[in-house]
N, C-alpha and C. Protein backbone atom coordinates (compact mmCIF):
# COMPACT_ATOMS: atom_id res chain seq x y z
N MET A 1 -0.05 -10.94 18.88
CA MET A 1 1.42 -10.50 18.67
C MET A 1 1.43 -9.34 19.83
N LYS A 2 2.78 -9.39 20.20
CA LYS A 2 3.10 -7.97 21.14
C LYS A 2 3.85 -6.90 20.26
N TRP A 3 3.99 -5.60 21.12
CA TRP A 3 4.74 -4.71 20.37
C TRP A 3 6.17 -5.09 20.54
N LYS A 4 6.84 -4.45 19.66
CA LYS A 4 8.36 -4.77 19.67
C LYS A 4 8.96 -4.21 20.88
N SER A 5 10.17 -4.38 21.26
CA SER A 5 10.64 -3.87 22.78
C SER A 5 10.82 -2.35 22.47
N PRO A 6 10.86 -1.52 23.43
CA PRO A 6 11.09 -0.12 23.37
C PRO A 6 12.27 0.40 22.45
N GLN A 7 13.38 -0.37 22.86
CA GLN A 7 14.67 -0.11 22.06
C GLN A 7 14.43 -0.48 20.73
N GLU A 8 13.98 -1.51 20.30
CA GLU A 8 13.88 -1.85 18.82
C GLU A 8 12.95 -0.82 18.11
N TRP A 9 11.88 -0.62 18.97
CA TRP A 9 10.77 0.40 18.29
C TRP A 9 11.48 1.72 18.18
N ALA A 10 12.31 2.20 19.03
CA ALA A 10 13.06 3.47 18.77
C ALA A 10 13.83 3.52 17.51
N LYS A 11 14.69 2.29 17.36
CA LYS A 11 15.59 2.04 16.39
C LYS A 11 14.62 2.22 15.10
N LEU A 12 13.75 1.55 14.95
CA LEU A 12 12.83 1.42 13.68
C LEU A 12 12.18 2.81 13.39
N LYS A 13 11.81 3.65 14.60
CA LYS A 13 11.05 5.03 14.43
C LYS A 13 12.38 5.85 13.79
N ALA A 14 13.38 5.62 14.16
CA ALA A 14 14.45 6.34 13.72
C ALA A 14 15.09 6.18 12.22
N GLY A 15 14.47 4.99 11.73
CA GLY A 15 14.69 4.61 10.32
C GLY A 15 15.86 3.73 10.25
N ILE A 16 16.50 3.40 11.29
CA ILE A 16 17.65 2.45 11.30
C ILE A 16 17.02 0.94 11.04
N ASP A 17 17.67 0.40 9.96
CA ASP A 17 17.36 -0.89 9.42
C ASP A 17 15.84 -1.10 9.26
N CYS A 18 15.09 -0.03 8.90
CA CYS A 18 13.74 -0.12 8.52
C CYS A 18 13.55 -0.93 7.25
N PRO A 19 12.69 -2.00 7.37
CA PRO A 19 12.49 -2.89 6.04
C PRO A 19 11.99 -2.26 5.23
N MET A 20 10.88 -1.29 5.35
CA MET A 20 10.39 -0.55 4.18
C MET A 20 11.37 0.36 3.56
N CYS A 21 12.14 1.10 4.27
CA CYS A 21 13.18 1.75 3.73
C CYS A 21 14.01 0.84 2.73
N LEU A 22 14.46 -0.09 3.23
CA LEU A 22 15.43 -1.16 2.58
C LEU A 22 14.81 -1.85 1.35
N GLU A 23 13.35 -2.12 1.46
CA GLU A 23 12.89 -3.12 0.48
C GLU A 23 11.85 -2.51 -0.28
N SER A 24 11.28 -1.44 -0.12
CA SER A 24 10.08 -1.01 -0.78
C SER A 24 10.35 -0.57 -2.24
N GLY A 25 11.73 -0.35 -2.81
CA GLY A 25 12.20 -0.08 -4.08
C GLY A 25 12.42 -1.40 -4.77
N MET A 26 12.49 -2.48 -4.15
CA MET A 26 12.94 -3.73 -4.84
C MET A 26 11.73 -4.09 -5.63
N GLU A 27 12.02 -4.61 -7.04
CA GLU A 27 10.99 -5.27 -7.92
C GLU A 27 10.08 -6.25 -7.05
N GLU A 28 10.77 -7.11 -6.33
CA GLU A 28 9.97 -8.12 -5.73
C GLU A 28 10.71 -8.11 -4.27
N ASN A 29 9.77 -8.23 -3.38
CA ASN A 29 10.41 -8.64 -1.82
C ASN A 29 9.35 -9.86 -1.30
N GLN A 30 9.57 -10.20 -0.32
CA GLN A 30 8.89 -11.15 0.43
C GLN A 30 7.36 -11.05 0.61
N HIS A 31 6.74 -9.90 0.45
CA HIS A 31 5.50 -9.60 0.63
C HIS A 31 4.84 -9.22 -0.61
N SER A 32 5.55 -8.34 -1.38
CA SER A 32 4.84 -7.87 -2.53
C SER A 32 5.61 -7.57 -3.77
N TYR A 33 5.12 -6.97 -4.87
CA TYR A 33 5.94 -6.61 -6.05
C TYR A 33 5.57 -4.97 -6.23
N LYS A 34 6.85 -4.50 -6.55
CA LYS A 34 6.75 -3.11 -7.08
C LYS A 34 5.75 -2.88 -8.19
N VAL A 35 4.75 -1.80 -8.16
CA VAL A 35 3.91 -1.33 -9.21
C VAL A 35 4.57 -0.35 -9.87
N ILE A 36 4.84 0.77 -9.16
CA ILE A 36 5.38 2.04 -9.82
C ILE A 36 5.71 2.83 -8.74
N GLU A 37 6.62 3.80 -9.08
CA GLU A 37 7.18 4.78 -8.19
C GLU A 37 6.79 6.16 -8.42
N LEU A 38 5.96 6.72 -7.58
CA LEU A 38 5.41 8.07 -7.71
C LEU A 38 6.17 9.15 -7.00
N LYS A 39 5.84 10.31 -7.13
CA LYS A 39 6.79 11.38 -6.52
C LYS A 39 6.95 11.06 -4.79
N GLN A 40 5.84 10.73 -4.13
CA GLN A 40 5.86 10.76 -2.80
C GLN A 40 6.02 9.32 -2.34
N SER A 41 5.59 8.31 -3.02
CA SER A 41 5.52 7.06 -2.55
C SER A 41 5.79 5.92 -3.71
N ILE A 42 5.83 4.67 -3.18
CA ILE A 42 6.06 3.50 -3.95
C ILE A 42 4.71 2.61 -3.97
N VAL A 43 4.21 2.33 -5.13
CA VAL A 43 3.16 1.54 -4.92
C VAL A 43 3.50 0.16 -5.01
N ARG A 44 2.85 -0.76 -4.10
CA ARG A 44 3.27 -2.20 -4.16
C ARG A 44 2.05 -3.05 -4.10
N PHE A 45 2.18 -4.18 -4.97
CA PHE A 45 1.05 -5.12 -5.07
C PHE A 45 1.29 -6.29 -4.29
N ASN A 46 0.41 -6.43 -3.11
CA ASN A 46 0.75 -7.66 -2.28
C ASN A 46 0.68 -9.03 -2.52
N LYS A 47 1.34 -9.87 -2.30
CA LYS A 47 1.50 -11.26 -2.76
C LYS A 47 0.20 -11.93 -2.36
N ASN A 48 -0.13 -11.70 -1.00
CA ASN A 48 -1.46 -12.45 -0.60
C ASN A 48 -2.57 -11.59 -1.02
N GLN A 49 -3.26 -12.15 -2.12
CA GLN A 49 -4.47 -11.42 -2.52
C GLN A 49 -5.97 -12.07 -2.01
N TYR A 50 -5.81 -12.59 -0.71
CA TYR A 50 -7.07 -12.90 -0.22
C TYR A 50 -8.05 -11.84 -0.37
N MET A 51 -7.66 -10.61 0.07
CA MET A 51 -8.56 -9.51 -0.22
C MET A 51 -8.16 -8.85 -1.88
N PRO A 52 -8.66 -9.25 -2.92
CA PRO A 52 -8.29 -9.14 -4.11
C PRO A 52 -8.07 -7.48 -4.43
N GLY A 53 -6.94 -7.14 -4.96
CA GLY A 53 -6.28 -5.66 -5.27
C GLY A 53 -5.64 -5.25 -4.16
N TRP A 54 -5.29 -5.91 -3.15
CA TRP A 54 -4.64 -5.30 -2.04
C TRP A 54 -3.47 -4.78 -2.47
N THR A 55 -3.46 -3.55 -2.32
CA THR A 55 -2.28 -2.85 -2.67
C THR A 55 -1.73 -1.86 -1.58
N THR A 56 -0.40 -1.75 -1.63
CA THR A 56 0.01 -0.70 -0.24
C THR A 56 0.83 0.23 -1.05
N LEU A 57 0.68 1.60 -0.54
CA LEU A 57 1.59 2.64 -0.91
C LEU A 57 2.57 2.81 0.20
N ILE A 58 3.71 3.07 -0.07
CA ILE A 58 4.92 3.21 0.98
C ILE A 58 5.52 4.74 0.94
N LEU A 59 5.47 5.46 1.79
CA LEU A 59 6.19 7.04 1.66
C LEU A 59 7.59 6.62 1.41
N LYS A 60 8.10 7.47 0.37
CA LYS A 60 9.53 7.24 0.24
C LYS A 60 10.42 7.63 1.28
N ARG A 61 10.02 8.72 1.91
CA ARG A 61 10.81 9.25 2.92
C ARG A 61 10.51 8.39 4.24
N HIS A 62 11.58 8.23 5.13
CA HIS A 62 11.07 7.53 6.40
C HIS A 62 10.44 8.61 7.52
N VAL A 63 9.17 8.41 7.66
CA VAL A 63 8.46 9.34 8.62
C VAL A 63 7.57 8.16 9.26
N THR A 64 7.27 8.59 10.45
CA THR A 64 6.24 7.65 11.27
C THR A 64 4.90 8.09 11.49
N GLU A 65 4.79 9.39 11.38
CA GLU A 65 3.31 10.02 11.56
C GLU A 65 3.03 10.90 10.58
N LEU A 66 1.85 11.04 10.30
CA LEU A 66 1.28 12.01 9.25
C LEU A 66 1.87 13.64 9.58
N PHE A 67 1.67 13.86 10.87
CA PHE A 67 1.85 15.19 11.26
C PHE A 67 3.39 15.72 11.15
N GLU A 68 4.38 14.71 11.03
CA GLU A 68 5.80 14.92 10.51
C GLU A 68 6.01 15.40 9.13
N LEU A 69 4.92 15.27 8.25
CA LEU A 69 5.09 15.45 6.87
C LEU A 69 4.71 17.03 6.74
N SER A 70 5.34 17.63 5.89
CA SER A 70 4.98 19.19 5.30
C SER A 70 3.60 18.93 4.83
N PRO A 71 2.96 20.10 4.83
CA PRO A 71 1.54 20.11 4.07
C PRO A 71 1.56 19.57 2.67
N GLU A 72 2.63 20.03 1.97
CA GLU A 72 2.99 19.42 0.56
C GLU A 72 2.93 18.09 0.31
N GLU A 73 3.94 17.56 1.24
CA GLU A 73 3.93 16.09 1.21
C GLU A 73 2.95 15.34 1.59
N ARG A 74 2.26 15.92 2.69
CA ARG A 74 0.93 15.27 3.17
C ARG A 74 -0.09 15.18 1.80
N ALA A 75 -0.10 16.17 1.31
CA ALA A 75 -1.18 16.48 0.16
C ALA A 75 -0.68 15.47 -0.97
N GLY A 76 0.33 15.63 -1.31
CA GLY A 76 0.85 14.83 -2.42
C GLY A 76 0.78 13.13 -1.91
N PHE A 77 1.14 12.84 -0.89
CA PHE A 77 0.69 11.46 -0.51
C PHE A 77 -0.77 11.01 -0.68
N TRP A 78 -1.36 11.99 -0.16
CA TRP A 78 -3.04 11.54 -0.27
C TRP A 78 -3.35 11.42 -1.48
N ASP A 79 -2.87 12.39 -2.35
CA ASP A 79 -3.22 12.55 -3.72
C ASP A 79 -2.88 11.24 -4.68
N GLU A 80 -1.86 10.62 -4.13
CA GLU A 80 -1.26 9.48 -4.91
C GLU A 80 -2.18 8.27 -4.39
N VAL A 81 -2.54 8.16 -2.86
CA VAL A 81 -3.35 7.25 -2.45
C VAL A 81 -4.82 7.14 -3.47
N SER A 82 -5.13 8.26 -3.73
CA SER A 82 -6.46 8.73 -4.34
C SER A 82 -6.21 8.07 -5.70
N ILE A 83 -5.12 8.43 -6.19
CA ILE A 83 -5.04 8.08 -7.65
C ILE A 83 -4.94 6.61 -7.87
N VAL A 84 -4.22 5.68 -6.92
CA VAL A 84 -4.18 4.32 -6.97
C VAL A 84 -5.48 3.71 -6.66
N ALA A 85 -6.32 4.41 -5.80
CA ALA A 85 -7.76 3.91 -5.32
C ALA A 85 -8.32 3.91 -6.59
N LYS A 86 -8.28 4.97 -7.26
CA LYS A 86 -8.95 5.17 -8.62
C LYS A 86 -8.79 4.08 -9.73
N ALA A 87 -7.52 3.72 -9.61
CA ALA A 87 -7.08 2.50 -10.53
C ALA A 87 -7.63 1.38 -10.01
N LEU A 88 -7.64 1.00 -8.91
CA LEU A 88 -8.24 -0.38 -8.39
C LEU A 88 -9.52 -0.13 -8.59
N TYR A 89 -10.28 1.01 -8.39
CA TYR A 89 -11.86 1.02 -8.63
C TYR A 89 -12.22 0.52 -10.13
N GLN A 90 -11.27 1.30 -11.13
CA GLN A 90 -11.63 0.77 -12.51
C GLN A 90 -11.34 -0.48 -12.76
N ILE A 91 -10.54 -1.38 -12.11
CA ILE A 91 -9.97 -2.67 -12.35
C ILE A 91 -11.14 -3.64 -11.62
N TYR A 92 -11.46 -3.19 -10.33
CA TYR A 92 -11.93 -4.21 -9.39
C TYR A 92 -13.62 -3.90 -9.36
N ASN A 93 -13.98 -2.75 -9.53
CA ASN A 93 -15.45 -2.16 -9.45
C ASN A 93 -15.93 -2.71 -8.17
N PRO A 94 -15.17 -2.31 -7.03
CA PRO A 94 -15.74 -2.72 -5.56
C PRO A 94 -16.77 -1.88 -5.14
N ALA A 95 -17.44 -2.24 -4.09
CA ALA A 95 -18.57 -1.64 -3.36
C ALA A 95 -18.08 -0.25 -2.78
N LYS A 96 -17.05 -0.83 -2.20
CA LYS A 96 -16.04 0.39 -1.50
C LYS A 96 -14.63 0.14 -1.53
N ILE A 97 -14.00 0.98 -1.30
CA ILE A 97 -12.34 0.79 -1.05
C ILE A 97 -12.03 1.40 0.29
N ASN A 98 -11.24 0.39 1.14
CA ASN A 98 -11.01 0.93 2.45
C ASN A 98 -9.46 1.28 2.49
N TYR A 99 -9.18 2.36 3.24
CA TYR A 99 -8.04 2.82 3.38
C TYR A 99 -7.30 2.93 4.67
N CYS A 100 -6.27 1.88 4.87
CA CYS A 100 -5.71 1.63 6.23
C CYS A 100 -4.31 2.22 6.47
N ILE A 101 -4.21 2.87 7.61
CA ILE A 101 -2.83 3.30 7.73
C ILE A 101 -2.49 2.98 9.20
N TRP A 102 -1.99 2.01 9.47
CA TRP A 102 -2.04 1.48 10.84
C TRP A 102 -0.48 1.78 11.27
N GLY A 103 0.45 1.09 10.98
CA GLY A 103 1.86 1.11 11.41
C GLY A 103 2.23 0.61 12.65
N ASN A 104 1.31 -0.34 13.25
CA ASN A 104 1.65 -0.80 14.57
C ASN A 104 2.76 -1.85 14.76
N HIS A 105 3.00 -2.32 13.37
CA HIS A 105 4.14 -3.16 13.29
C HIS A 105 5.30 -2.92 12.62
N MET A 106 5.28 -1.78 11.90
CA MET A 106 6.20 -1.03 11.20
C MET A 106 6.16 0.45 11.22
N PRO A 107 6.81 1.04 11.95
CA PRO A 107 6.57 2.55 12.15
C PRO A 107 7.18 3.19 10.94
N HIS A 108 6.45 3.15 9.95
CA HIS A 108 6.98 4.07 8.42
C HIS A 108 5.54 4.18 7.76
N ILE A 109 5.26 5.47 7.51
CA ILE A 109 3.94 5.59 6.84
C ILE A 109 3.73 4.84 5.71
N HIS A 110 2.61 4.18 5.55
CA HIS A 110 2.12 3.35 4.35
C HIS A 110 0.68 3.33 4.61
N CYS A 111 0.07 3.11 3.36
CA CYS A 111 -1.25 3.08 3.43
C CYS A 111 -1.79 1.83 2.64
N HIS A 112 -2.71 0.76 3.26
CA HIS A 112 -3.06 -0.35 2.59
C HIS A 112 -4.32 0.16 1.90
N LEU A 113 -4.52 -0.41 0.57
CA LEU A 113 -6.01 -0.08 0.07
C LEU A 113 -6.43 -1.63 -0.19
N PHE A 114 -7.60 -1.85 0.32
CA PHE A 114 -8.48 -2.84 0.15
C PHE A 114 -9.88 -2.80 -0.32
N THR A 115 -9.94 -3.57 -1.56
CA THR A 115 -11.40 -3.57 -2.28
C THR A 115 -12.40 -4.28 -1.36
N GLN A 116 -13.63 -3.68 -1.45
CA GLN A 116 -14.72 -4.44 -0.56
C GLN A 116 -15.85 -4.69 -1.50
N THR A 117 -16.36 -6.00 -1.48
CA THR A 117 -17.34 -6.29 -2.56
C THR A 117 -18.81 -6.41 -1.71
N PHE A 118 -19.93 -6.44 -2.34
CA PHE A 118 -21.06 -6.72 -1.94
C PHE A 118 -21.33 -8.21 -0.92
N ASP A 119 -20.32 -8.97 -1.31
CA ASP A 119 -20.34 -10.34 -0.64
C ASP A 119 -19.75 -10.26 0.76
N ASP A 120 -18.65 -9.27 1.01
CA ASP A 120 -18.17 -8.94 2.29
C ASP A 120 -19.02 -8.53 3.30
N ASP A 121 -18.67 -8.73 4.61
CA ASP A 121 -19.46 -8.29 5.51
C ASP A 121 -18.91 -6.73 5.93
N PRO A 122 -19.79 -5.74 5.68
CA PRO A 122 -19.33 -4.40 5.98
C PRO A 122 -18.98 -4.28 7.56
N GLY A 123 -19.25 -5.05 8.53
CA GLY A 123 -19.02 -4.70 9.83
C GLY A 123 -18.02 -5.56 10.43
N LYS A 124 -17.38 -6.31 9.58
CA LYS A 124 -16.51 -7.26 9.93
C LYS A 124 -15.05 -6.32 9.87
N PRO A 125 -14.20 -6.47 11.08
CA PRO A 125 -12.85 -5.72 11.02
C PRO A 125 -12.14 -6.47 10.01
N ILE A 126 -11.25 -5.70 9.14
CA ILE A 126 -10.28 -6.06 8.28
C ILE A 126 -9.24 -6.88 8.80
N ASN A 127 -8.98 -7.97 8.17
CA ASN A 127 -7.83 -8.84 8.71
C ASN A 127 -7.37 -9.50 7.17
N GLN A 128 -6.43 -8.83 6.76
CA GLN A 128 -5.99 -9.14 5.50
C GLN A 128 -5.16 -10.42 5.48
N ASN A 129 -4.72 -10.98 6.56
CA ASN A 129 -4.13 -12.12 6.68
C ASN A 129 -4.85 -13.25 7.26
N GLU A 130 -6.37 -13.12 7.28
CA GLU A 130 -7.16 -14.10 7.75
C GLU A 130 -6.94 -15.41 6.86
N LYS A 131 -6.64 -15.39 5.52
CA LYS A 131 -6.45 -16.25 4.68
C LYS A 131 -5.36 -15.89 3.99
N GLU A 132 -4.49 -16.98 3.03
CA GLU A 132 -3.53 -16.61 2.08
C GLU A 132 -4.07 -17.16 0.85
N ILE A 133 -3.95 -16.21 -0.11
CA ILE A 133 -4.30 -16.54 -1.64
C ILE A 133 -3.31 -16.17 -2.50
N PHE A 134 -2.39 -17.00 -2.97
CA PHE A 134 -1.36 -16.43 -3.70
C PHE A 134 -1.59 -16.93 -5.29
N LEU A 135 -1.25 -16.06 -6.15
CA LEU A 135 -1.30 -15.98 -7.53
C LEU A 135 -0.21 -16.75 -8.05
N ASP A 136 -0.40 -16.97 -9.59
CA ASP A 136 0.70 -17.59 -10.51
C ASP A 136 1.54 -16.13 -10.72
N LYS A 137 2.82 -16.25 -10.91
CA LYS A 137 3.47 -15.00 -11.25
C LYS A 137 3.08 -14.18 -12.28
N ASN A 138 2.69 -14.91 -13.54
CA ASN A 138 1.90 -14.20 -14.54
C ASN A 138 0.76 -13.40 -14.24
N GLU A 139 0.03 -13.91 -13.34
CA GLU A 139 -1.35 -13.24 -12.92
C GLU A 139 -0.91 -11.93 -12.27
N TYR A 140 0.19 -12.09 -11.38
CA TYR A 140 0.58 -10.85 -10.67
C TYR A 140 0.92 -9.81 -11.93
N LEU A 141 1.75 -10.18 -12.64
CA LEU A 141 2.27 -9.53 -13.82
C LEU A 141 1.23 -8.70 -14.39
N GLN A 142 0.30 -9.59 -14.64
CA GLN A 142 -0.98 -8.85 -15.47
C GLN A 142 -1.86 -7.83 -14.64
N LYS A 143 -1.89 -8.15 -13.64
CA LYS A 143 -2.70 -7.04 -12.68
C LYS A 143 -1.82 -6.09 -12.28
N ILE A 144 -0.50 -6.18 -12.22
CA ILE A 144 0.32 -5.08 -11.96
C ILE A 144 0.31 -4.38 -13.23
N LYS A 145 0.37 -4.73 -14.48
CA LYS A 145 0.29 -4.11 -15.56
C LYS A 145 -0.91 -3.15 -15.78
N LYS A 146 -2.22 -3.90 -15.50
CA LYS A 146 -3.25 -3.20 -15.43
C LYS A 146 -3.31 -2.04 -14.42
N ILE A 147 -2.84 -2.10 -13.21
CA ILE A 147 -2.70 -1.10 -12.37
C ILE A 147 -1.96 0.23 -12.80
N THR A 148 -0.83 -0.25 -13.36
CA THR A 148 0.03 0.67 -13.87
C THR A 148 -0.79 1.53 -14.99
N TYR A 149 -1.37 0.80 -15.85
CA TYR A 149 -1.93 1.60 -16.97
C TYR A 149 -3.03 2.54 -16.37
N GLU A 150 -3.72 2.05 -15.58
CA GLU A 150 -4.97 3.04 -14.95
C GLU A 150 -4.13 4.24 -14.19
N ILE A 151 -3.24 4.05 -13.39
CA ILE A 151 -2.57 5.08 -12.77
C ILE A 151 -1.88 6.02 -13.74
N HIS A 152 -1.44 5.62 -14.85
CA HIS A 152 -0.95 6.45 -15.99
C HIS A 152 -2.07 7.27 -16.81
N LYS A 153 -3.31 6.53 -16.89
CA LYS A 153 -4.44 7.22 -17.23
C LYS A 153 -4.76 8.33 -16.53
N THR A 154 -4.90 8.22 -15.20
CA THR A 154 -5.07 9.29 -14.15
C THR A 154 -4.28 10.35 -14.16
N THR A 155 -2.93 9.92 -14.02
CA THR A 155 -1.84 11.06 -14.04
C THR A 155 -1.80 11.93 -15.21
N GLU A 156 -1.95 11.32 -16.35
CA GLU A 156 -2.01 12.09 -17.61
C GLU A 156 -3.00 12.88 -17.91
N THR A 157 -4.23 12.66 -17.33
CA THR A 157 -5.42 13.45 -17.34
C THR A 157 -5.22 14.80 -16.42
N LYS A 158 -4.44 14.47 -15.40
CA LYS A 158 -4.14 15.65 -14.52
C LYS A 158 -3.37 16.79 -14.84
N SER A 159 -2.33 16.22 -15.75
CA SER A 159 -1.25 16.95 -16.18
C SER A 159 -1.68 18.17 -17.34
């Protein structure tokens, strides 16, 4: 896959017709389901569950680089990433959670969370689209309910 044209990339970086801005608040879009809206981000559960628990946090404000955030926004975003990671840890009990913030296809800050098991090869690069595993709609809803519950448990104890 190649980079988008410089003109198209500049348009996306400026937030013009950014799919993440347009679709992150939707209950369901082509790639994921909305889990919960937090202060800095919208949490989404990816439809492709080849990597079980694959969840993405999308920054609400259109920004392409972490250094563009105020210190408070940056800290808030990473705090939310941590809260969601803890929820996934409680549900999936992984060997490790990987935090991936690429943005090479979409210049809008977002962080993918991937659980890793002891069956996974720790030296293998992450390719979340290596295979496609889709669940029944009810399975998605059950997992989203569990994630939401765990997020609420963590945020309530922080208050």
